[in-house]
N, C-alpha and C. Protein backbone atom coordinates (compact mmCIF):
# COMPACT_ATOMS: atom_id res chain seq x y z
N MET A 1 9.12 8.01 11.15
CA MET A 1 8.10 6.90 11.37
C MET A 1 8.87 5.68 12.25
N THR A 2 8.08 5.68 13.36
CA THR A 2 8.68 4.92 14.59
C THR A 2 8.57 3.44 13.96
N ARG A 3 9.22 2.41 14.29
CA ARG A 3 9.36 1.18 13.89
C ARG A 3 7.98 0.40 14.13
N PRO A 4 7.84 0.64 15.40
CA PRO A 4 6.17 0.07 15.76
C PRO A 4 5.22 0.44 14.98
N ALA A 5 5.02 1.80 14.37
CA ALA A 5 3.81 2.60 13.74
C ALA A 5 4.03 1.81 12.38
N ARG A 6 5.38 1.52 11.81
CA ARG A 6 5.39 0.73 10.18
C ARG A 6 5.29 -0.60 10.61
N PHE A 7 5.70 -1.14 11.42
CA PHE A 7 4.93 -2.52 11.31
C PHE A 7 3.58 -3.00 11.50
N ALA A 8 2.80 -2.13 12.21
CA ALA A 8 1.79 -1.80 12.52
C ALA A 8 1.17 -1.67 11.00
N LEU A 9 1.41 -0.50 10.20
CA LEU A 9 0.90 -0.40 9.03
C LEU A 9 1.17 -1.37 7.94
N ILE A 10 2.05 -1.92 7.86
CA ILE A 10 2.12 -2.96 7.27
C ILE A 10 1.16 -4.15 7.36
N LEU A 11 1.35 -4.63 8.64
CA LEU A 11 0.30 -6.05 9.13
C LEU A 11 -1.23 -5.40 8.86
N ALA A 12 -1.52 -3.78 9.12
CA ALA A 12 -2.98 -3.52 8.59
C ALA A 12 -3.02 -3.75 7.23
N GLY A 13 -2.15 -3.08 6.17
CA GLY A 13 -2.21 -3.34 4.91
C GLY A 13 -2.01 -4.57 4.23
N ILE A 14 -1.37 -5.56 5.11
CA ILE A 14 -1.47 -6.89 4.23
C ILE A 14 -2.76 -7.69 5.08
N ALA A 15 -3.66 -7.21 6.04
CA ALA A 15 -4.89 -8.31 6.59
C ALA A 15 -5.46 -7.47 5.61
N GLY A 16 -5.65 -5.57 5.50
CA GLY A 16 -6.88 -5.62 4.63
C GLY A 16 -6.90 -6.05 3.01
N ALA A 17 -5.48 -5.92 2.61
CA ALA A 17 -5.55 -6.96 1.08
C ALA A 17 -5.88 -8.29 1.25
N ILE A 18 -5.65 -9.08 2.19
CA ILE A 18 -6.33 -10.27 2.06
C ILE A 18 -7.77 -10.17 2.21
N PHE A 19 -8.10 -9.58 3.31
CA PHE A 19 -9.62 -9.60 3.59
C PHE A 19 -10.33 -8.88 2.21
N SER A 20 -9.94 -7.92 1.48
CA SER A 20 -10.58 -7.59 0.01
C SER A 20 -10.38 -8.57 -1.02
N SER A 21 -9.19 -9.45 -0.77
CA SER A 21 -9.29 -10.44 -1.90
C SER A 21 -10.26 -11.40 -1.71
N LEU A 22 -10.34 -11.97 -0.38
CA LEU A 22 -11.45 -12.70 -0.30
C LEU A 22 -12.63 -12.35 -0.43
N LYS A 23 -13.10 -11.20 -0.47
CA LYS A 23 -14.34 -10.46 -1.00
C LYS A 23 -14.14 -10.36 -2.41
N PHE A 24 -13.45 -10.24 -3.34
CA PHE A 24 -13.25 -9.97 -4.37
C PHE A 24 -13.50 -11.33 -4.74
N LEU A 25 -13.25 -12.37 -4.44
CA LEU A 25 -13.19 -13.75 -4.73
C LEU A 25 -14.78 -14.36 -4.55
N GLU A 26 -15.01 -14.00 -3.71
CA GLU A 26 -16.74 -14.14 -3.23
C GLU A 26 -17.43 -13.34 -4.23
N ILE A 27 -17.47 -12.25 -4.81
CA ILE A 27 -18.22 -11.60 -5.65
C ILE A 27 -17.94 -12.48 -7.16
N ILE A 28 -16.38 -12.53 -7.68
CA ILE A 28 -16.49 -13.65 -8.78
C ILE A 28 -17.08 -14.74 -8.64
N ARG A 29 -17.09 -15.54 -7.41
CA ARG A 29 -17.95 -16.85 -7.48
C ARG A 29 -19.61 -16.48 -7.45
N VAL A 30 -19.91 -15.39 -7.22
CA VAL A 30 -21.61 -14.77 -7.36
C VAL A 30 -21.78 -14.79 -9.05
N ILE A 31 -20.93 -13.89 -9.65
CA ILE A 31 -21.01 -13.70 -10.87
C ILE A 31 -21.10 -15.06 -11.78
N ARG A 32 -19.92 -15.98 -11.59
CA ARG A 32 -20.12 -17.13 -12.24
C ARG A 32 -21.26 -18.08 -11.88
N THR A 33 -21.87 -18.26 -10.81
CA THR A 33 -22.99 -18.81 -10.54
C THR A 33 -24.00 -18.36 -10.79
N ASN A 34 -23.89 -17.04 -11.39
CA ASN A 34 -25.13 -16.44 -11.81
C ASN A 34 -26.17 -15.89 -10.60
N GLY A 35 -25.72 -15.44 -9.49
CA GLY A 35 -26.47 -15.67 -8.01
C GLY A 35 -26.66 -14.11 -7.95
N LEU A 36 -26.67 -13.39 -8.72
CA LEU A 36 -27.06 -11.97 -8.93
C LEU A 36 -28.80 -11.94 -8.14
N THR A 37 -29.44 -13.03 -8.41
CA THR A 37 -30.81 -12.52 -7.86
C THR A 37 -31.14 -14.06 -7.00
N ASP A 38 -32.23 -14.01 -6.35
CA ASP A 38 -32.51 -15.34 -5.40
C ASP A 38 -32.96 -16.45 -6.15
N GLY A 39 -32.94 -16.43 -7.27
CA GLY A 39 -33.85 -17.40 -7.92
C GLY A 39 -35.13 -17.16 -8.64
N GLU A 40 -35.55 -15.98 -8.07
CA GLU A 40 -36.83 -15.80 -8.38
C GLU A 40 -36.86 -14.59 -9.53
N PRO A 41 -37.77 -14.97 -10.44
CA PRO A 41 -37.74 -13.76 -11.50
C PRO A 41 -37.93 -12.53 -11.17
N VAL A 42 -37.21 -11.24 -11.98
CA VAL A 42 -37.15 -10.24 -11.35
C VAL A 42 -37.75 -9.26 -12.45
N ASP A 43 -38.51 -8.54 -12.71
CA ASP A 43 -38.62 -7.23 -13.54
C ASP A 43 -37.14 -6.94 -14.02
N LEU A 44 -37.25 -5.97 -15.35
CA LEU A 44 -35.91 -5.43 -15.57
C LEU A 44 -35.19 -4.18 -14.11
N ARG A 45 -36.14 -3.48 -13.89
CA ARG A 45 -35.64 -2.90 -13.04
C ARG A 45 -34.76 -2.97 -11.58
N GLU A 46 -35.67 -3.98 -11.51
CA GLU A 46 -35.02 -5.04 -10.20
C GLU A 46 -33.47 -5.22 -10.65
N HIS A 47 -33.63 -5.92 -12.11
CA HIS A 47 -32.23 -6.62 -12.30
C HIS A 47 -31.15 -5.71 -12.25
N TYR A 48 -31.69 -4.64 -12.96
CA TYR A 48 -30.72 -3.46 -12.55
C TYR A 48 -30.28 -2.97 -11.62
N LEU A 49 -30.99 -2.88 -10.57
CA LEU A 49 -30.70 -2.39 -9.19
C LEU A 49 -29.66 -3.49 -8.44
N GLN A 50 -29.91 -4.79 -8.70
CA GLN A 50 -29.12 -5.63 -8.40
C GLN A 50 -27.80 -5.99 -9.09
N VAL A 51 -27.61 -5.62 -9.99
CA VAL A 51 -26.38 -5.43 -11.08
C VAL A 51 -25.51 -3.81 -10.23
N GLY A 52 -26.32 -2.77 -9.94
CA GLY A 52 -25.66 -1.91 -9.69
C GLY A 52 -25.14 -1.89 -8.01
N THR A 53 -25.97 -2.81 -7.42
CA THR A 53 -25.34 -3.14 -5.99
C THR A 53 -24.16 -4.09 -6.22
N PHE A 54 -24.27 -4.84 -6.99
CA PHE A 54 -22.72 -5.54 -6.97
C PHE A 54 -21.96 -4.84 -7.64
N TYR A 55 -21.89 -4.24 -8.46
CA TYR A 55 -20.98 -3.05 -9.28
C TYR A 55 -20.51 -2.48 -8.02
N SER A 56 -21.43 -1.60 -7.26
CA SER A 56 -20.55 -0.43 -6.17
C SER A 56 -19.77 -1.82 -5.51
N ARG A 57 -20.33 -3.06 -4.86
CA ARG A 57 -19.76 -3.69 -4.03
C ARG A 57 -18.37 -3.70 -4.81
N GLY A 58 -18.11 -4.44 -5.76
CA GLY A 58 -16.89 -4.67 -6.47
C GLY A 58 -16.08 -3.51 -6.14
N PHE A 59 -16.60 -2.15 -6.74
CA PHE A 59 -15.95 -0.89 -6.31
C PHE A 59 -15.14 -0.46 -5.41
N THR A 60 -15.82 -0.59 -4.47
CA THR A 60 -15.55 -0.51 -2.72
C THR A 60 -14.67 -1.65 -2.46
N THR A 61 -14.91 -2.87 -2.76
CA THR A 61 -13.64 -3.84 -2.79
C THR A 61 -12.35 -3.22 -3.43
N GLY A 62 -12.51 -3.37 -4.35
CA GLY A 62 -11.14 -2.78 -5.27
C GLY A 62 -10.88 -1.37 -4.72
N PHE A 63 -11.23 -0.42 -4.41
CA PHE A 63 -11.00 0.43 -3.49
C PHE A 63 -10.38 0.34 -2.21
N PHE A 64 -10.74 -0.60 -1.59
CA PHE A 64 -10.05 -0.95 -0.26
C PHE A 64 -9.01 -1.71 -0.30
N PHE A 65 -8.84 -2.43 -1.17
CA PHE A 65 -7.71 -3.37 -1.52
C PHE A 65 -6.31 -2.77 -2.15
N CYS A 66 -6.60 -1.28 -2.93
CA CYS A 66 -5.71 -0.32 -3.46
C CYS A 66 -5.13 0.46 -2.10
N PHE A 67 -6.19 0.88 -0.99
CA PHE A 67 -6.02 1.33 0.17
C PHE A 67 -5.02 0.86 0.97
N SER A 68 -5.12 -0.43 0.99
CA SER A 68 -4.49 -1.66 1.78
C SER A 68 -3.22 -1.33 1.47
N LEU A 69 -3.18 -1.56 0.18
CA LEU A 69 -2.01 -1.84 -0.64
C LEU A 69 -0.79 -0.72 -0.51
N MET A 70 -1.61 0.87 -0.37
CA MET A 70 -1.05 1.84 -0.22
C MET A 70 -0.29 1.86 1.21
N LEU A 71 -0.96 1.30 2.21
CA LEU A 71 -0.72 1.43 3.24
C LEU A 71 0.70 1.02 3.11
N VAL A 72 1.10 -0.36 2.65
CA VAL A 72 2.18 -1.30 2.87
C VAL A 72 3.45 -0.54 1.88
N ALA A 73 2.73 0.30 0.72
CA ALA A 73 3.96 1.08 0.28
C ALA A 73 4.22 2.21 1.10
N ILE A 74 3.31 2.53 1.74
CA ILE A 74 4.21 3.76 2.32
C ILE A 74 4.85 3.36 3.61
N ALA A 75 4.72 2.57 4.29
CA ALA A 75 5.49 2.02 5.33
C ALA A 75 6.86 1.68 4.65
N ILE A 76 6.95 0.98 3.69
CA ILE A 76 8.28 0.49 2.92
C ILE A 76 9.18 1.71 2.30
N GLY A 77 8.30 2.17 1.76
CA GLY A 77 8.97 3.60 1.52
C GLY A 77 9.65 4.37 2.55
N THR A 78 9.12 4.92 3.37
CA THR A 78 9.72 5.70 4.48
C THR A 78 10.73 4.98 5.37
N TRP A 79 10.80 3.60 5.24
CA TRP A 79 11.76 3.02 5.74
C TRP A 79 12.68 2.69 4.76
N TYR A 80 12.96 2.67 3.53
CA TYR A 80 13.50 2.69 2.52
C TYR A 80 14.50 4.33 2.96
N ASP A 81 13.53 5.00 3.01
CA ASP A 81 13.79 6.43 2.75
C ASP A 81 15.07 6.55 3.57
N GLU A 82 14.61 6.33 5.31
CA GLU A 82 15.19 6.32 6.25
C GLU A 82 16.82 5.86 5.83
N ARG A 83 16.67 4.38 5.78
CA ARG A 83 18.00 4.00 5.31
C ARG A 83 18.73 4.55 4.60
N ARG A 84 18.22 5.40 3.79
CA ARG A 84 19.18 6.21 2.45
C ARG A 84 19.48 7.06 3.15
N LYS A 85 18.96 7.83 3.67
CA LYS A 85 19.49 8.86 4.35
C LYS A 85 20.34 8.70 5.56
N GLU A 86 20.20 7.59 6.11
CA GLU A 86 21.05 7.22 6.99
C GLU A 86 22.63 6.85 6.49
N ARG A 87 22.90 6.05 5.27
CA ARG A 87 23.61 5.61 4.49
C ARG A 87 24.32 7.10 4.27
N ARG A 88 23.86 7.85 3.55
CA ARG A 88 24.10 9.18 3.10
C ARG A 88 24.78 9.85 3.73
N ILE A 89 24.45 9.80 5.19
CA ILE A 89 25.00 10.74 6.20
C ILE A 89 26.17 10.01 6.39
N ARG A 90 26.79 8.65 6.83
CA ARG A 90 27.54 7.99 7.11
C ARG A 90 28.82 8.10 5.94
N MET A 91 28.39 8.14 4.56
CA MET A 91 29.23 8.11 3.62
C MET A 91 29.62 9.60 3.29
N SER A 92 28.75 10.81 3.81
CA SER A 92 29.36 12.24 3.43
C SER A 92 30.15 12.54 4.48
N ALA A 93 30.34 11.89 5.33
CA ALA A 93 31.56 12.45 6.32
C ALA A 93 32.95 12.52 6.05
N PRO A 94 33.24 13.81 6.17
CA PRO A 94 34.36 13.71 5.45
C PRO A 94 35.78 13.43 6.52
N PRO A 95 36.72 12.95 5.69
CA PRO A 95 37.99 11.93 6.57
C PRO A 95 38.75 13.05 7.50
N ILE A 96 39.17 12.69 8.63
CA ILE A 96 39.75 13.84 9.29
C ILE A 96 41.27 13.70 9.16
N LEU A 97 41.39 14.79 8.66
CA LEU A 97 43.02 14.95 8.22
C LEU A 97 43.79 15.73 9.36
N ALA A 98 45.27 15.61 9.12
CA ALA A 98 46.30 17.00 10.23
C ALA A 98 46.22 17.68 9.35
N PRO A 99 46.49 18.72 10.30
CA PRO A 99 46.34 20.22 9.84
C PRO A 99 48.05 20.14 8.61
N ALA A 100 47.58 20.58 7.49
CA ALA A 100 48.56 21.31 6.68
C ALA A 100 49.86 22.03 7.00
N PRO A 101 50.77 21.65 6.83
CA PRO A 101 51.57 22.58 7.59
C PRO A 101 51.56 23.95 6.90
N PRO A 102 52.11 25.21 7.31
CA PRO A 102 51.95 26.54 6.61
C PRO A 102 53.17 26.57 5.56
N PRO A 103 52.68 26.79 4.24
CA PRO A 103 53.41 27.24 3.30
C PRO A 103 54.80 27.51 3.46
N ALA A 104 55.90 27.46 2.79
CA ALA A 104 57.02 27.70 2.70
C ALA A 104 57.17 29.35 2.58
N GLY A 105 57.58 30.29 3.29
CA GLY A 105 57.77 31.63 3.15
C GLY A 105 59.03 32.20 1.74
N ARG A 106 58.52 33.37 0.97
CA ARG A 106 59.33 33.65 0.21
C ARG A 106 60.24 34.50 0.84
N GLY A 107 61.49 34.18 0.09
CA GLY A 107 61.89 35.50 0.87
C GLY A 107 63.58 35.44 0.76
């Protein structure tokens, strides 16, 4: 993965995580203020439909948050893996030695 692609993934992941965090806080605010309805009394079916809508909204927000964090994790993981491979290649190069003299002959 190239450096600009990795940087773009990290930026997109952080932006997505911030956006989904703000949406999550908005959902929490609506639940805390009991704002699932518009203030008008609703029947039981409408109440469950609205609760279901907010449940799916929260699920989608949480999924998007996890997806955004995975983008960041993949970008950082590939960067770490590339650095580790480069270090291993540098460390495993055998030292250059002078050729050994031939063994003394018997005789």
